[in-house]
mmCIF file of all heavy atoms, coordinates in Angstrom:
data_MODEL
# 
_entry.id   MODEL 
# 
loop_
_atom_site.group_PDB 
_atom_site.id 
_atom_site.type_symbol 
_atom_site.label_atom_id 
_atom_site.label_alt_id 
_atom_site.label_comp_id 
_atom_site.label_asym_id 
_atom_site.label_entity_id 
_atom_site.label_seq_id 
_atom_site.pdbx_PDB_ins_code 
_atom_site.Cartn_x 
_atom_site.Cartn_y 
_atom_site.Cartn_z 
_atom_site.occupancy 
_atom_site.B_iso_or_equiv 
_atom_site.pdbx_formal_charge 
_atom_site.auth_seq_id 
_atom_site.auth_comp_id 
_atom_site.auth_asym_id 
_atom_site.auth_atom_id 
_atom_site.pdbx_PDB_model_num 
ATOM 1   N N   . LEU A 1 1  ? 136.434 110.470 133.346 1.00 0.00 ? 1  LEU A N   1 
ATOM 2   C CA  . LEU A 1 1  ? 137.047 109.471 132.448 1.00 0.00 ? 1  LEU A CA  1 
ATOM 3   C C   . LEU A 1 1  ? 136.086 108.891 131.453 1.00 0.00 ? 1  LEU A C   1 
ATOM 4   O O   . LEU A 1 1  ? 136.447 108.680 130.321 1.00 0.00 ? 1  LEU A O   1 
ATOM 5   C CB  . LEU A 1 1  ? 137.609 108.293 133.285 1.00 0.00 ? 1  LEU A CB  1 
ATOM 6   C CG  . LEU A 1 1  ? 138.927 108.497 133.993 1.00 0.00 ? 1  LEU A CG  1 
ATOM 7   C CD1 . LEU A 1 1  ? 138.726 109.205 135.321 1.00 0.00 ? 1  LEU A CD1 1 
ATOM 8   C CD2 . LEU A 1 1  ? 139.602 107.166 134.230 1.00 0.00 ? 1  LEU A CD2 1 
ATOM 9   N N   . ASN A 1 2  ? 134.835 108.665 131.911 1.00 0.00 ? 2  ASN A N   1 
ATOM 10  C CA  . ASN A 1 2  ? 133.916 107.993 131.036 1.00 0.00 ? 2  ASN A CA  1 
ATOM 11  C C   . ASN A 1 2  ? 133.305 108.959 130.000 1.00 0.00 ? 2  ASN A C   1 
ATOM 12  O O   . ASN A 1 2  ? 132.484 108.529 129.178 1.00 0.00 ? 2  ASN A O   1 
ATOM 13  C CB  . ASN A 1 2  ? 132.775 107.329 131.823 1.00 0.00 ? 2  ASN A CB  1 
ATOM 14  C CG  . ASN A 1 2  ? 132.159 108.208 132.872 1.00 0.00 ? 2  ASN A CG  1 
ATOM 15  O OD1 . ASN A 1 2  ? 132.311 109.460 132.825 1.00 0.00 ? 2  ASN A OD1 1 
ATOM 16  N ND2 . ASN A 1 2  ? 131.451 107.624 133.803 1.00 0.00 ? 2  ASN A ND2 1 
ATOM 17  N N   . HIS A 1 3  ? 133.715 110.259 129.999 1.00 0.00 ? 3  HIS A N   1 
ATOM 18  C CA  . HIS A 1 3  ? 133.292 111.171 128.954 1.00 0.00 ? 3  HIS A CA  1 
ATOM 19  C C   . HIS A 1 3  ? 134.272 111.159 127.806 1.00 0.00 ? 3  HIS A C   1 
ATOM 20  O O   . HIS A 1 3  ? 133.973 111.593 126.697 1.00 0.00 ? 3  HIS A O   1 
ATOM 21  C CB  . HIS A 1 3  ? 133.163 112.577 129.499 1.00 0.00 ? 3  HIS A CB  1 
ATOM 22  C CG  . HIS A 1 3  ? 131.949 112.802 130.356 1.00 0.00 ? 3  HIS A CG  1 
ATOM 23  N ND1 . HIS A 1 3  ? 131.499 114.065 130.679 1.00 0.00 ? 3  HIS A ND1 1 
ATOM 24  C CD2 . HIS A 1 3  ? 131.095 111.919 130.932 1.00 0.00 ? 3  HIS A CD2 1 
ATOM 25  C CE1 . HIS A 1 3  ? 130.450 113.956 131.467 1.00 0.00 ? 3  HIS A CE1 1 
ATOM 26  N NE2 . HIS A 1 3  ? 130.184 112.628 131.627 1.00 0.00 ? 3  HIS A NE2 1 
ATOM 27  N N   . ILE A 1 4  ? 135.517 110.777 128.077 1.00 0.00 ? 4  ILE A N   1 
ATOM 28  C CA  . ILE A 1 4  ? 136.596 110.857 127.055 1.00 0.00 ? 4  ILE A CA  1 
ATOM 29  C C   . ILE A 1 4  ? 137.234 109.477 126.866 1.00 0.00 ? 4  ILE A C   1 
ATOM 30  O O   . ILE A 1 4  ? 138.419 109.387 126.570 1.00 0.00 ? 4  ILE A O   1 
ATOM 31  C CB  . ILE A 1 4  ? 137.654 111.922 127.453 1.00 0.00 ? 4  ILE A CB  1 
ATOM 32  C CG1 . ILE A 1 4  ? 138.192 111.625 128.862 1.00 0.00 ? 4  ILE A CG1 1 
ATOM 33  C CG2 . ILE A 1 4  ? 137.104 113.306 127.373 1.00 0.00 ? 4  ILE A CG2 1 
ATOM 34  C CD1 . ILE A 1 4  ? 139.419 112.483 129.231 1.00 0.00 ? 4  ILE A CD1 1 
ATOM 35  N N   . SER A 1 5  ? 136.438 108.442 126.992 1.00 0.00 ? 5  SER A N   1 
ATOM 36  C CA  . SER A 1 5  ? 136.950 107.071 126.782 1.00 0.00 ? 5  SER A CA  1 
ATOM 37  C C   . SER A 1 5  ? 137.619 106.960 125.413 1.00 0.00 ? 5  SER A C   1 
ATOM 38  O O   . SER A 1 5  ? 137.066 107.413 124.418 1.00 0.00 ? 5  SER A O   1 
ATOM 39  C CB  . SER A 1 5  ? 135.832 106.073 126.920 1.00 0.00 ? 5  SER A CB  1 
ATOM 40  O OG  . SER A 1 5  ? 135.340 106.010 128.217 1.00 0.00 ? 5  SER A OG  1 
ATOM 41  N N   . GLY A 1 6  ? 138.793 106.347 125.386 1.00 0.00 ? 6  GLY A N   1 
ATOM 42  C CA  . GLY A 1 6  ? 139.522 106.146 124.164 1.00 0.00 ? 6  GLY A CA  1 
ATOM 43  C C   . GLY A 1 6  ? 140.560 107.196 123.850 1.00 0.00 ? 6  GLY A C   1 
ATOM 44  O O   . GLY A 1 6  ? 141.480 106.964 123.063 1.00 0.00 ? 6  GLY A O   1 
ATOM 45  N N   . LEU A 1 7  ? 140.496 108.370 124.507 1.00 0.00 ? 7  LEU A N   1 
ATOM 46  C CA  . LEU A 1 7  ? 141.443 109.447 124.187 1.00 0.00 ? 7  LEU A CA  1 
ATOM 47  C C   . LEU A 1 7  ? 142.868 109.047 124.632 1.00 0.00 ? 7  LEU A C   1 
ATOM 48  O O   . LEU A 1 7  ? 143.806 109.188 123.861 1.00 0.00 ? 7  LEU A O   1 
ATOM 49  C CB  . LEU A 1 7  ? 141.021 110.722 124.913 1.00 0.00 ? 7  LEU A CB  1 
ATOM 50  C CG  . LEU A 1 7  ? 142.001 111.917 124.800 1.00 0.00 ? 7  LEU A CG  1 
ATOM 51  C CD1 . LEU A 1 7  ? 142.170 112.350 123.345 1.00 0.00 ? 7  LEU A CD1 1 
ATOM 52  C CD2 . LEU A 1 7  ? 141.527 113.103 125.641 1.00 0.00 ? 7  LEU A CD2 1 
ATOM 53  N N   . ALA A 1 8  ? 143.024 108.526 125.824 1.00 0.00 ? 8  ALA A N   1 
ATOM 54  C CA  . ALA A 1 8  ? 144.361 108.155 126.296 1.00 0.00 ? 8  ALA A CA  1 
ATOM 55  C C   . ALA A 1 8  ? 144.954 107.059 125.428 1.00 0.00 ? 8  ALA A C   1 
ATOM 56  O O   . ALA A 1 8  ? 146.162 107.105 125.056 1.00 0.00 ? 8  ALA A O   1 
ATOM 57  C CB  . ALA A 1 8  ? 144.279 107.728 127.770 1.00 0.00 ? 8  ALA A CB  1 
ATOM 58  N N   . GLN A 1 9  ? 144.138 106.071 125.105 1.00 0.00 ? 9  GLN A N   1 
ATOM 59  C CA  . GLN A 1 9  ? 144.603 104.977 124.225 1.00 0.00 ? 9  GLN A CA  1 
ATOM 60  C C   . GLN A 1 9  ? 145.040 105.471 122.886 1.00 0.00 ? 9  GLN A C   1 
ATOM 61  O O   . GLN A 1 9  ? 146.028 105.059 122.316 1.00 0.00 ? 9  GLN A O   1 
ATOM 62  C CB  . GLN A 1 9  ? 143.521 103.901 124.112 1.00 0.00 ? 9  GLN A CB  1 
ATOM 63  C CG  . GLN A 1 9  ? 143.943 102.688 123.280 1.00 0.00 ? 9  GLN A CG  1 
ATOM 64  C CD  . GLN A 1 9  ? 145.043 101.922 123.992 1.00 0.00 ? 9  GLN A CD  1 
ATOM 65  O OE1 . GLN A 1 9  ? 144.960 101.657 125.200 1.00 0.00 ? 9  GLN A OE1 1 
ATOM 66  N NE2 . GLN A 1 9  ? 146.069 101.571 123.270 1.00 0.00 ? 9  GLN A NE2 1 
ATOM 67  N N   . HIS A 1 10 ? 144.283 106.416 122.344 1.00 0.00 ? 10 HIS A N   1 
ATOM 68  C CA  . HIS A 1 10 ? 144.584 107.006 121.051 1.00 0.00 ? 10 HIS A CA  1 
ATOM 69  C C   . HIS A 1 10 ? 145.963 107.724 121.102 1.00 0.00 ? 10 HIS A C   1 
ATOM 70  O O   . HIS A 1 10 ? 146.796 107.563 120.172 1.00 0.00 ? 10 HIS A O   1 
ATOM 71  C CB  . HIS A 1 10 ? 143.502 108.023 120.693 1.00 0.00 ? 10 HIS A CB  1 
ATOM 72  C CG  . HIS A 1 10 ? 143.802 108.805 119.437 1.00 0.00 ? 10 HIS A CG  1 
ATOM 73  N ND1 . HIS A 1 10 ? 143.566 108.287 118.168 1.00 0.00 ? 10 HIS A ND1 1 
ATOM 74  C CD2 . HIS A 1 10 ? 144.289 110.046 119.247 1.00 0.00 ? 10 HIS A CD2 1 
ATOM 75  C CE1 . HIS A 1 10 ? 143.916 109.188 117.260 1.00 0.00 ? 10 HIS A CE1 1 
ATOM 76  N NE2 . HIS A 1 10 ? 144.368 110.263 117.884 1.00 0.00 ? 10 HIS A NE2 1 
ATOM 77  N N   . ILE A 1 11 ? 146.225 108.471 122.160 1.00 0.00 ? 11 ILE A N   1 
ATOM 78  C CA  . ILE A 1 11 ? 147.477 109.221 122.259 1.00 0.00 ? 11 ILE A CA  1 
ATOM 79  C C   . ILE A 1 11 ? 148.650 108.280 122.401 1.00 0.00 ? 11 ILE A C   1 
ATOM 80  O O   . ILE A 1 11 ? 149.681 108.435 121.719 1.00 0.00 ? 11 ILE A O   1 
ATOM 81  C CB  . ILE A 1 11 ? 147.412 110.204 123.440 1.00 0.00 ? 11 ILE A CB  1 
ATOM 82  C CG1 . ILE A 1 11 ? 146.352 111.264 123.216 1.00 0.00 ? 11 ILE A CG1 1 
ATOM 83  C CG2 . ILE A 1 11 ? 148.787 110.863 123.684 1.00 0.00 ? 11 ILE A CG2 1 
ATOM 84  C CD1 . ILE A 1 11 ? 146.045 112.105 124.409 1.00 0.00 ? 11 ILE A CD1 1 
ATOM 85  N N   . THR A 1 12 ? 148.506 107.268 123.262 1.00 0.00 ? 12 THR A N   1 
ATOM 86  C CA  . THR A 1 12 ? 149.684 106.378 123.447 1.00 0.00 ? 12 THR A CA  1 
ATOM 87  C C   . THR A 1 12 ? 149.962 105.549 122.223 1.00 0.00 ? 12 THR A C   1 
ATOM 88  O O   . THR A 1 12 ? 151.107 105.264 121.870 1.00 0.00 ? 12 THR A O   1 
ATOM 89  C CB  . THR A 1 12 ? 149.428 105.452 124.679 1.00 0.00 ? 12 THR A CB  1 
ATOM 90  O OG1 . THR A 1 12 ? 148.181 104.779 124.493 1.00 0.00 ? 12 THR A OG1 1 
ATOM 91  C CG2 . THR A 1 12 ? 149.384 106.255 125.929 1.00 0.00 ? 12 THR A CG2 1 
ATOM 92  N N   . THR A 1 13 ? 148.870 105.142 121.481 1.00 0.00 ? 13 THR A N   1 
ATOM 93  C CA  . THR A 1 13 ? 149.058 104.307 120.310 1.00 0.00 ? 13 THR A CA  1 
ATOM 94  C C   . THR A 1 13 ? 149.636 105.100 119.144 1.00 0.00 ? 13 THR A C   1 
ATOM 95  O O   . THR A 1 13 ? 150.580 104.665 118.459 1.00 0.00 ? 13 THR A O   1 
ATOM 96  C CB  . THR A 1 13 ? 147.715 103.667 119.901 1.00 0.00 ? 13 THR A CB  1 
ATOM 97  O OG1 . THR A 1 13 ? 147.222 102.855 120.960 1.00 0.00 ? 13 THR A OG1 1 
ATOM 98  C CG2 . THR A 1 13 ? 147.901 102.793 118.647 1.00 0.00 ? 13 THR A CG2 1 
ATOM 99  N N   . LYS A 1 14 ? 149.069 106.321 118.906 1.00 0.00 ? 14 LYS A N   1 
ATOM 100 C CA  . LYS A 1 14 ? 149.469 107.074 117.733 1.00 0.00 ? 14 LYS A CA  1 
ATOM 101 C C   . LYS A 1 14 ? 150.800 107.831 117.947 1.00 0.00 ? 14 LYS A C   1 
ATOM 102 O O   . LYS A 1 14 ? 151.604 107.965 117.020 1.00 0.00 ? 14 LYS A O   1 
ATOM 103 C CB  . LYS A 1 14 ? 148.356 108.020 117.341 1.00 0.00 ? 14 LYS A CB  1 
ATOM 104 C CG  . LYS A 1 14 ? 148.620 108.786 116.075 1.00 0.00 ? 14 LYS A CG  1 
ATOM 105 C CD  . LYS A 1 14 ? 147.403 109.616 115.665 1.00 0.00 ? 14 LYS A CD  1 
ATOM 106 C CE  . LYS A 1 14 ? 147.650 110.381 114.348 1.00 0.00 ? 14 LYS A CE  1 
ATOM 107 N NZ  . LYS A 1 14 ? 146.469 111.132 113.893 1.00 0.00 ? 14 LYS A NZ  1 
ATOM 108 N N   . TYR A 1 15 ? 150.997 108.314 119.186 1.00 0.00 ? 15 TYR A N   1 
ATOM 109 C CA  . TYR A 1 15 ? 152.171 109.196 119.399 1.00 0.00 ? 15 TYR A CA  1 
ATOM 110 C C   . TYR A 1 15 ? 153.203 108.637 120.356 1.00 0.00 ? 15 TYR A C   1 
ATOM 111 O O   . TYR A 1 15 ? 154.253 109.258 120.540 1.00 0.00 ? 15 TYR A O   1 
ATOM 112 C CB  . TYR A 1 15 ? 151.674 110.556 119.979 1.00 0.00 ? 15 TYR A CB  1 
ATOM 113 C CG  . TYR A 1 15 ? 150.733 111.261 119.044 1.00 0.00 ? 15 TYR A CG  1 
ATOM 114 C CD1 . TYR A 1 15 ? 149.344 111.179 119.242 1.00 0.00 ? 15 TYR A CD1 1 
ATOM 115 C CD2 . TYR A 1 15 ? 151.200 112.008 117.946 1.00 0.00 ? 15 TYR A CD2 1 
ATOM 116 C CE1 . TYR A 1 15 ? 148.458 111.819 118.380 1.00 0.00 ? 15 TYR A CE1 1 
ATOM 117 C CE2 . TYR A 1 15 ? 150.316 112.643 117.087 1.00 0.00 ? 15 TYR A CE2 1 
ATOM 118 C CZ  . TYR A 1 15 ? 148.951 112.556 117.307 1.00 0.00 ? 15 TYR A CZ  1 
ATOM 119 O OH  . TYR A 1 15 ? 148.068 113.184 116.459 1.00 0.00 ? 15 TYR A OH  1 
ATOM 120 N N   . ASN A 1 16 ? 152.915 107.489 120.948 1.00 0.00 ? 16 ASN A N   1 
ATOM 121 C CA  . ASN A 1 16 ? 153.852 106.872 121.880 1.00 0.00 ? 16 ASN A CA  1 
ATOM 122 C C   . ASN A 1 16 ? 154.248 107.787 122.999 1.00 0.00 ? 16 ASN A C   1 
ATOM 123 O O   . ASN A 1 16 ? 155.421 107.867 123.412 1.00 0.00 ? 16 ASN A O   1 
ATOM 124 C CB  . ASN A 1 16 ? 155.112 106.366 121.125 1.00 0.00 ? 16 ASN A CB  1 
ATOM 125 C CG  . ASN A 1 16 ? 155.925 105.408 121.971 1.00 0.00 ? 16 ASN A CG  1 
ATOM 126 O OD1 . ASN A 1 16 ? 155.379 104.679 122.784 1.00 0.00 ? 16 ASN A OD1 1 
ATOM 127 N ND2 . ASN A 1 16 ? 157.245 105.431 121.768 1.00 0.00 ? 16 ASN A ND2 1 
ATOM 128 N N   . LYS A 1 17 ? 153.263 108.514 123.517 1.00 0.00 ? 17 LYS A N   1 
ATOM 129 C CA  . LYS A 1 17 ? 153.503 109.412 124.640 1.00 0.00 ? 17 LYS A CA  1 
ATOM 130 C C   . LYS A 1 17 ? 152.712 108.918 125.867 1.00 0.00 ? 17 LYS A C   1 
ATOM 131 O O   . LYS A 1 17 ? 151.553 108.472 125.676 1.00 0.00 ? 17 LYS A O   1 
ATOM 132 C CB  . LYS A 1 17 ? 153.062 110.850 124.317 1.00 0.00 ? 17 LYS A CB  1 
ATOM 133 C CG  . LYS A 1 17 ? 153.861 111.488 123.180 1.00 0.00 ? 17 LYS A CG  1 
ATOM 134 C CD  . LYS A 1 17 ? 153.379 112.912 122.923 1.00 0.00 ? 17 LYS A CD  1 
ATOM 135 C CE  . LYS A 1 17 ? 154.033 113.497 121.673 1.00 0.00 ? 17 LYS A CE  1 
ATOM 136 N NZ  . LYS A 1 17 ? 155.502 113.699 121.859 1.00 0.00 ? 17 LYS A NZ  1 
ATOM 137 N N   . PRO A 1 18 ? 153.253 108.984 127.049 1.00 0.00 ? 18 PRO A N   1 
ATOM 138 C CA  . PRO A 1 18 ? 152.488 108.564 128.221 1.00 0.00 ? 18 PRO A CA  1 
ATOM 139 C C   . PRO A 1 18 ? 151.390 109.526 128.553 1.00 0.00 ? 18 PRO A C   1 
ATOM 140 O O   . PRO A 1 18 ? 151.518 110.748 128.338 1.00 0.00 ? 18 PRO A O   1 
ATOM 141 C CB  . PRO A 1 18 ? 153.557 108.542 129.348 1.00 0.00 ? 18 PRO A CB  1 
ATOM 142 C CG  . PRO A 1 18 ? 154.603 109.517 128.911 1.00 0.00 ? 18 PRO A CG  1 
ATOM 143 C CD  . PRO A 1 18 ? 154.598 109.455 127.386 1.00 0.00 ? 18 PRO A CD  1 
ATOM 144 N N   . VAL A 1 19 ? 150.271 108.980 129.024 1.00 0.00 ? 19 VAL A N   1 
ATOM 145 C CA  . VAL A 1 19 ? 149.114 109.800 129.423 1.00 0.00 ? 19 VAL A CA  1 
ATOM 146 C C   . VAL A 1 19 ? 148.776 109.453 130.860 1.00 0.00 ? 19 VAL A C   1 
ATOM 147 O O   . VAL A 1 19 ? 148.556 108.291 131.199 1.00 0.00 ? 19 VAL A O   1 
ATOM 148 C CB  . VAL A 1 19 ? 147.905 109.515 128.508 1.00 0.00 ? 19 VAL A CB  1 
ATOM 149 C CG1 . VAL A 1 19 ? 146.736 110.443 128.870 1.00 0.00 ? 19 VAL A CG1 1 
ATOM 150 C CG2 . VAL A 1 19 ? 148.283 109.706 127.047 1.00 0.00 ? 19 VAL A CG2 1 
ATOM 151 N N   . PHE A 1 20 ? 148.694 110.482 131.727 1.00 0.00 ? 20 PHE A N   1 
ATOM 152 C CA  . PHE A 1 20 ? 148.453 110.273 133.141 1.00 0.00 ? 20 PHE A CA  1 
ATOM 153 C C   . PHE A 1 20 ? 147.131 110.901 133.512 1.00 0.00 ? 20 PHE A C   1 
ATOM 154 O O   . PHE A 1 20 ? 146.709 111.910 132.934 1.00 0.00 ? 20 PHE A O   1 
ATOM 155 C CB  . PHE A 1 20 ? 149.569 110.936 133.976 1.00 0.00 ? 20 PHE A CB  1 
ATOM 156 C CG  . PHE A 1 20 ? 150.951 110.397 133.679 1.00 0.00 ? 20 PHE A CG  1 
ATOM 157 C CD1 . PHE A 1 20 ? 151.691 110.957 132.638 1.00 0.00 ? 20 PHE A CD1 1 
ATOM 158 C CD2 . PHE A 1 20 ? 151.455 109.351 134.382 1.00 0.00 ? 20 PHE A CD2 1 
ATOM 159 C CE1 . PHE A 1 20 ? 152.948 110.460 132.325 1.00 0.00 ? 20 PHE A CE1 1 
ATOM 160 C CE2 . PHE A 1 20 ? 152.711 108.837 134.099 1.00 0.00 ? 20 PHE A CE2 1 
ATOM 161 C CZ  . PHE A 1 20 ? 153.463 109.416 133.044 1.00 0.00 ? 20 PHE A CZ  1 
ATOM 162 N N   . PHE A 1 21 ? 146.489 110.312 134.526 1.00 0.00 ? 21 PHE A N   1 
ATOM 163 C CA  . PHE A 1 21 ? 145.225 110.866 135.022 1.00 0.00 ? 21 PHE A CA  1 
ATOM 164 C C   . PHE A 1 21 ? 145.408 111.223 136.490 1.00 0.00 ? 21 PHE A C   1 
ATOM 165 O O   . PHE A 1 21 ? 145.934 110.412 137.240 1.00 0.00 ? 21 PHE A O   1 
ATOM 166 C CB  . PHE A 1 21 ? 144.073 109.897 134.909 1.00 0.00 ? 21 PHE A CB  1 
ATOM 167 C CG  . PHE A 1 21 ? 142.748 110.491 135.263 1.00 0.00 ? 21 PHE A CG  1 
ATOM 168 C CD1 . PHE A 1 21 ? 142.011 111.164 134.267 1.00 0.00 ? 21 PHE A CD1 1 
ATOM 169 C CD2 . PHE A 1 21 ? 142.226 110.430 136.518 1.00 0.00 ? 21 PHE A CD2 1 
ATOM 170 C CE1 . PHE A 1 21 ? 140.800 111.756 134.565 1.00 0.00 ? 21 PHE A CE1 1 
ATOM 171 C CE2 . PHE A 1 21 ? 140.991 110.995 136.835 1.00 0.00 ? 21 PHE A CE2 1 
ATOM 172 C CZ  . PHE A 1 21 ? 140.281 111.659 135.858 1.00 0.00 ? 21 PHE A CZ  1 
ATOM 173 N N   . TYR A 1 22 ? 144.981 112.453 136.893 1.00 0.00 ? 22 TYR A N   1 
ATOM 174 C CA  . TYR A 1 22 ? 145.070 112.886 138.276 1.00 0.00 ? 22 TYR A CA  1 
ATOM 175 C C   . TYR A 1 22 ? 143.639 113.033 138.800 1.00 0.00 ? 22 TYR A C   1 
ATOM 176 O O   . TYR A 1 22 ? 142.890 113.910 138.355 1.00 0.00 ? 22 TYR A O   1 
ATOM 177 C CB  . TYR A 1 22 ? 145.810 114.223 138.329 1.00 0.00 ? 22 TYR A CB  1 
ATOM 178 C CG  . TYR A 1 22 ? 146.073 114.739 139.743 1.00 0.00 ? 22 TYR A CG  1 
ATOM 179 C CD1 . TYR A 1 22 ? 145.804 113.997 140.902 1.00 0.00 ? 22 TYR A CD1 1 
ATOM 180 C CD2 . TYR A 1 22 ? 146.649 115.980 139.927 1.00 0.00 ? 22 TYR A CD2 1 
ATOM 181 C CE1 . TYR A 1 22 ? 146.047 114.491 142.152 1.00 0.00 ? 22 TYR A CE1 1 
ATOM 182 C CE2 . TYR A 1 22 ? 146.916 116.499 141.192 1.00 0.00 ? 22 TYR A CE2 1 
ATOM 183 C CZ  . TYR A 1 22 ? 146.596 115.728 142.292 1.00 0.00 ? 22 TYR A CZ  1 
ATOM 184 O OH  . TYR A 1 22 ? 146.868 116.232 143.561 1.00 0.00 ? 22 TYR A OH  1 
ATOM 185 N N   . ASP A 1 23 ? 143.276 112.141 139.681 1.00 0.00 ? 23 ASP A N   1 
ATOM 186 C CA  . ASP A 1 23 ? 141.969 112.233 140.364 1.00 0.00 ? 23 ASP A CA  1 
ATOM 187 C C   . ASP A 1 23 ? 142.184 112.943 141.685 1.00 0.00 ? 23 ASP A C   1 
ATOM 188 O O   . ASP A 1 23 ? 142.763 112.374 142.598 1.00 0.00 ? 23 ASP A O   1 
ATOM 189 C CB  . ASP A 1 23 ? 141.358 110.845 140.565 1.00 0.00 ? 23 ASP A CB  1 
ATOM 190 C CG  . ASP A 1 23 ? 139.934 110.905 141.077 1.00 0.00 ? 23 ASP A CG  1 
ATOM 191 O OD1 . ASP A 1 23 ? 139.538 111.988 141.596 1.00 0.00 ? 23 ASP A OD1 1 
ATOM 192 O OD2 . ASP A 1 23 ? 139.233 109.914 141.033 1.00 0.00 ? 23 ASP A OD2 1 
ATOM 193 N N   . GLY A 1 24 ? 141.714 114.159 141.775 1.00 0.00 ? 24 GLY A N   1 
ATOM 194 C CA  . GLY A 1 24 ? 141.907 114.954 142.980 1.00 0.00 ? 24 GLY A CA  1 
ATOM 195 C C   . GLY A 1 24 ? 140.717 114.881 143.937 1.00 0.00 ? 24 GLY A C   1 
ATOM 196 O O   . GLY A 1 24 ? 140.659 115.642 144.928 1.00 0.00 ? 24 GLY A O   1 
ATOM 197 N N   . ASP A 1 25 ? 139.782 113.951 143.699 1.00 0.00 ? 25 ASP A N   1 
ATOM 198 C CA  . ASP A 1 25 ? 138.580 113.764 144.523 1.00 0.00 ? 25 ASP A CA  1 
ATOM 199 C C   . ASP A 1 25 ? 138.469 112.439 145.228 1.00 0.00 ? 25 ASP A C   1 
ATOM 200 O O   . ASP A 1 25 ? 137.437 112.117 145.722 1.00 0.00 ? 25 ASP A O   1 
ATOM 201 C CB  . ASP A 1 25 ? 137.328 114.046 143.684 1.00 0.00 ? 25 ASP A CB  1 
ATOM 202 C CG  . ASP A 1 25 ? 137.169 115.503 143.253 1.00 0.00 ? 25 ASP A CG  1 
ATOM 203 O OD1 . ASP A 1 25 ? 137.518 116.367 144.086 1.00 0.00 ? 25 ASP A OD1 1 
ATOM 204 O OD2 . ASP A 1 25 ? 136.726 115.735 142.133 1.00 0.00 ? 25 ASP A OD2 1 
ATOM 205 N N   . VAL A 1 26 ? 139.553 111.660 145.237 1.00 0.00 ? 26 VAL A N   1 
ATOM 206 C CA  . VAL A 1 26 ? 139.502 110.354 145.898 1.00 0.00 ? 26 VAL A CA  1 
ATOM 207 C C   . VAL A 1 26 ? 139.433 110.573 147.409 1.00 0.00 ? 26 VAL A C   1 
ATOM 208 O O   . VAL A 1 26 ? 140.138 111.433 147.954 1.00 0.00 ? 26 VAL A O   1 
ATOM 209 C CB  . VAL A 1 26 ? 140.753 109.541 145.529 1.00 0.00 ? 26 VAL A CB  1 
ATOM 210 C CG1 . VAL A 1 26 ? 140.754 108.201 146.248 1.00 0.00 ? 26 VAL A CG1 1 
ATOM 211 C CG2 . VAL A 1 26 ? 140.836 109.350 143.994 1.00 0.00 ? 26 VAL A CG2 1 
ATOM 212 N N   . PRO A 1 27 ? 138.575 109.839 148.156 1.00 0.00 ? 27 PRO A N   1 
ATOM 213 C CA  . PRO A 1 27 ? 137.767 108.695 147.682 1.00 0.00 ? 27 PRO A CA  1 
ATOM 214 C C   . PRO A 1 27 ? 136.347 109.054 147.260 1.00 0.00 ? 27 PRO A C   1 
ATOM 215 O O   . PRO A 1 27 ? 135.613 108.175 146.814 1.00 0.00 ? 27 PRO A O   1 
ATOM 216 C CB  . PRO A 1 27 ? 137.723 107.802 148.914 1.00 0.00 ? 27 PRO A CB  1 
ATOM 217 C CG  . PRO A 1 27 ? 137.663 108.798 150.054 1.00 0.00 ? 27 PRO A CG  1 
ATOM 218 C CD  . PRO A 1 27 ? 138.566 109.947 149.634 1.00 0.00 ? 27 PRO A CD  1 
ATOM 219 N N   . ALA A 1 28 ? 135.897 110.325 147.392 1.00 0.00 ? 28 ALA A N   1 
ATOM 220 C CA  . ALA A 1 28 ? 134.520 110.649 147.097 1.00 0.00 ? 28 ALA A CA  1 
ATOM 221 C C   . ALA A 1 28 ? 134.174 110.357 145.660 1.00 0.00 ? 28 ALA A C   1 
ATOM 222 O O   . ALA A 1 28 ? 133.012 110.060 145.344 1.00 0.00 ? 28 ALA A O   1 
ATOM 223 C CB  . ALA A 1 28 ? 134.284 112.104 147.387 1.00 0.00 ? 28 ALA A CB  1 
# 
């Protein structure tokens, strides 16, 4: 997430599309 900070906010603001994150390594 910290490599692409701002990408999700950009998509939701400009295109009004939901952006989801799937963390498949929780809790490690």
